[in-house]
Every structure is written in C-alpha cells, then in structure tokens.
Amino acid sequence: MRILTAVSILALAFASQAAQAQAPSARETAPQARAEKAISPEESAARIDAIRQKAEALERSRDEKLKRTTKSICIGC
C-alpha cells in the first residue's frame, strides 16, 4: 500500500512538471512588456484628482449607508 502511494505521488509530480513545461520556441516568442509613454505632470495630476474624487464619493456613499443602517438600529444610550 505504501509503495503504491509513493509511486502515485511520484507519477503525479512528474506529470505536473511535464504539463507546466513550455517549448523553447514558446518562451522566445513571449510577449514583451509594452513601453508606456511618459505622462505629463498635468495628466498625472488630473488622474490623481479623478481617483481622489471617486474614492471620496465612494466613502460618502458608504458613510450614508452606515448612517441609515445605524439610525434604524440605535436609539441612543
């Protein structure tokens, strides 16, 4: 029983390695990282501002939802 278990574990280990292996031609033609263009400071500031506004709006909506939920539950101490 132990021998059968050991053999099956080894077979699975070798099979998984063969499944993950790539052919040399596949590794050579792997997609290269694309070169991103430089972002100007104005564009960067605009993106940061948009992200900040989106995060603040999300926080306001979560706060409002929390207030509505706790208002119906809490009656004060």
Protein backbone atom coordinates (compact mmCIF):
# COMPACT_ATOMS: atom_id res chain seq x y z
CA MET A 1 0.00 0.00 0.00
CA ARG A 2 2.79 2.42 0.87
CA ILE A 3 4.68 1.57 -2.30
CA LEU A 4 1.58 2.19 -4.41
CA THR A 5 1.05 5.57 -2.69
CA ALA A 6 4.69 6.56 -3.21
CA VAL A 7 4.57 5.58 -6.89
CA SER A 8 1.34 7.50 -7.47
CA ILE A 9 2.76 10.62 -5.78
CA LEU A 10 5.89 10.45 -7.94
CA ALA A 11 3.81 9.94 -11.08
CA LEU A 12 1.66 12.96 -10.27
CA ALA A 13 4.74 15.07 -9.55
CA PHE A 14 6.35 14.19 -12.89
CA ALA A 15 3.07 14.67 -14.77
CA SER A 16 2.55 18.14 -13.33
CA GLN A 17 6.08 19.19 -14.29
CA ALA A 18 5.54 18.00 -17.85
CA ALA A 19 2.26 19.89 -18.07
CA GLN A 20 3.87 23.14 -16.94
CA ALA A 21 6.87 22.89 -19.24
CA GLN A 22 6.98 25.14 -22.30
CA ALA A 23 8.64 24.54 -25.60
CA PRO A 24 11.74 26.70 -26.26
CA SER A 25 10.00 28.44 -29.16
CA ALA A 26 7.10 29.44 -26.90
CA ARG A 27 9.46 31.09 -24.43
CA GLU A 28 11.25 33.01 -27.19
CA THR A 29 8.03 34.45 -28.61
CA ALA A 30 6.62 35.52 -25.26
CA PRO A 31 5.01 38.95 -25.43
CA GLN A 32 7.34 41.74 -24.43
CA ALA A 33 6.36 44.39 -21.91
CA ARG A 34 4.96 47.35 -23.77
CA ALA A 35 6.71 50.64 -23.37
CA GLU A 36 4.39 53.16 -21.78
CA LYS A 37 4.58 56.76 -22.84
CA ALA A 38 5.66 59.33 -20.31
CA ILE A 39 2.81 61.08 -18.55
CA SER A 40 2.99 64.82 -18.17
CA PRO A 41 2.60 66.33 -14.70
CA GLU A 42 -0.75 67.85 -15.71
CA GLU A 43 -2.10 64.48 -16.84
CA SER A 44 -0.81 62.85 -13.67
CA ALA A 45 -2.44 65.50 -11.50
CA ALA A 46 -5.73 65.12 -13.40
CA ARG A 47 -5.68 61.33 -12.95
CA ILE A 48 -4.87 61.64 -9.25
CA ASP A 49 -7.67 64.18 -8.80
CA ALA A 50 -10.15 61.90 -10.58
CA ILE A 51 -9.12 58.92 -8.44
CA ARG A 52 -9.39 61.03 -5.27
CA GLN A 53 -12.87 62.26 -6.22
CA LYS A 54 -14.02 58.73 -6.95
CA ALA A 55 -12.68 57.48 -3.60
CA GLU A 56 -14.32 60.36 -1.71
CA ALA A 57 -17.67 59.72 -3.41
CA LEU A 58 -17.43 56.04 -2.51
CA GLU A 59 -16.60 56.93 1.10
CA ARG A 60 -19.55 59.35 1.28
CA SER A 61 -21.94 56.71 -0.04
CA ARG A 62 -20.64 54.15 2.45
CA ASP A 63 -20.97 56.63 5.31
CA GLU A 64 -24.52 57.48 4.29
CA LYS A 65 -25.44 53.81 4.07
CA LEU A 66 -23.92 53.19 7.51
CA LYS A 67 -25.80 56.15 8.99
CA ARG A 68 -29.11 54.88 7.58
CA THR A 69 -28.45 51.40 8.96
CA THR A 70 -27.40 52.52 12.43
CA LYS A 71 -30.17 55.09 12.63
CA SER A 72 -32.78 52.36 12.42
CA ILE A 73 -31.00 50.18 14.99
CA CYS A 74 -29.55 52.58 17.56
CA ILE A 75 -31.90 54.64 19.70
CA GLY A 76 -29.21 56.25 21.80
CA CYS A 77 -27.61 55.36 25.06
